[in-house]
Amino acid sequence: MDFLSTFFIVISAIAKLFILTLVGYVLYRYKFIDEKFTDTLSLLLVRVLFPALIISKTIGHFSFSEYAYWWLLPIAGAVFSLTGMLLGTVFCGFLKGFSARREFISSCGFQNCGYLPMNLVLFLFAGAMGDRMLINVFLFILGFNVLMWSMVPLFLSGRPGKEFKISLLLNPPVLATVFALLWVAIAGKGSLPSLLEGPVKSLGQAAFPLAMLTLGAYLCKYRAHVPRNKLPLVACMVIKLLLFPMLIMAVLTRVTLPVDYKFLLFLQSIMPVAVSLVVIGSYTKADNKFLSSCIFYTHVASVLTIPIWLTIFKMVTG
């Protein structure tokens, strides 16, 4: 896991992401798709494709019996997000005259926990260890998804009390997570009938490319490369790519955990802002210009920060 090999796999992974995003950007820029179509695509992702992805991955790969301490990783996924949001809340006190505070806090709390980590795991590990690391990624995502698809829509909507809508909390991805876990508890891993497994898996596989196309359209719509609030953007990048990894490394060096758990947790701590935030932002009418800028610039910066952090982690842990 030397610097150069990690650097090139990160560039490769992010380049693929940017190519798909560029397609969405060009389609929107030259009016092949419009704002209404993009918003409809965003709803399709939330209501159909992301739930299908959650169901296919959870039922296909997760088992309560195979992992005695399986619950540690979902809890870690939730704790990571809450800790990041707490750091964002603290920093918000120093950002005067800035209105997109909920978007800033959410960007600090939620990272690209699936696509980039899975690409790095597939590159760095093989055989049984690679399979185990991938399942660990899926377990971490379980806890992440519970907060991502329950707290974030509610938080970004800013509609507590009388204006609260239960649909914001019990949205399709949350219901899909609960359904998948109950299915596995009753019927076991890999028990989805083949008649359903194929279509559900196909819909889930469509989630990633369509999410990238949607992101590209929103990047064009909101001109994400020209941020409106530069100081909050820089603050988000510092928290997400510098302070949070430092905090997690300090904790991991003082706790006793299997090395594969330590590596996965640190890998998750150095990831850029979650792409799905822009989809939720559209769903909840949040400030998608700021969210798009955070996603864009943290992914660009992570081309350098991820290899540097993994090299430091290797030096520290041996």
Foldseek 3Di string as FASTA:
>chain_A
DALVVVLVLLCVLLVVLVVLLQVLQVCDVVVVDHPVRLLVLLVCLQAAQLLLLLQLCLQAQDACVVDVPLQVQLVLLQVQLVVQLVVLVVCVVVDPPDDQSLLLSNQSRAFALQRSVLSVLVVPDDDPLSSVLNSSSSSNVLNNQLCVQAVSLQSQLPQDDPRDDVCSRVPSNNVSSVVNVVCCVVPNHPRDDPVPSVVSVVSNVVSSSSLSSSLSSLCNVLVLVDAPDVVSLVVSLCSQAPVQLVVLLVVLVVDDDPPSVSVSSSLSSRGFGHSSSLSSCSVSVGDSSSNSNRRVVSSVVSSNRNSVSVNVVVVSVD
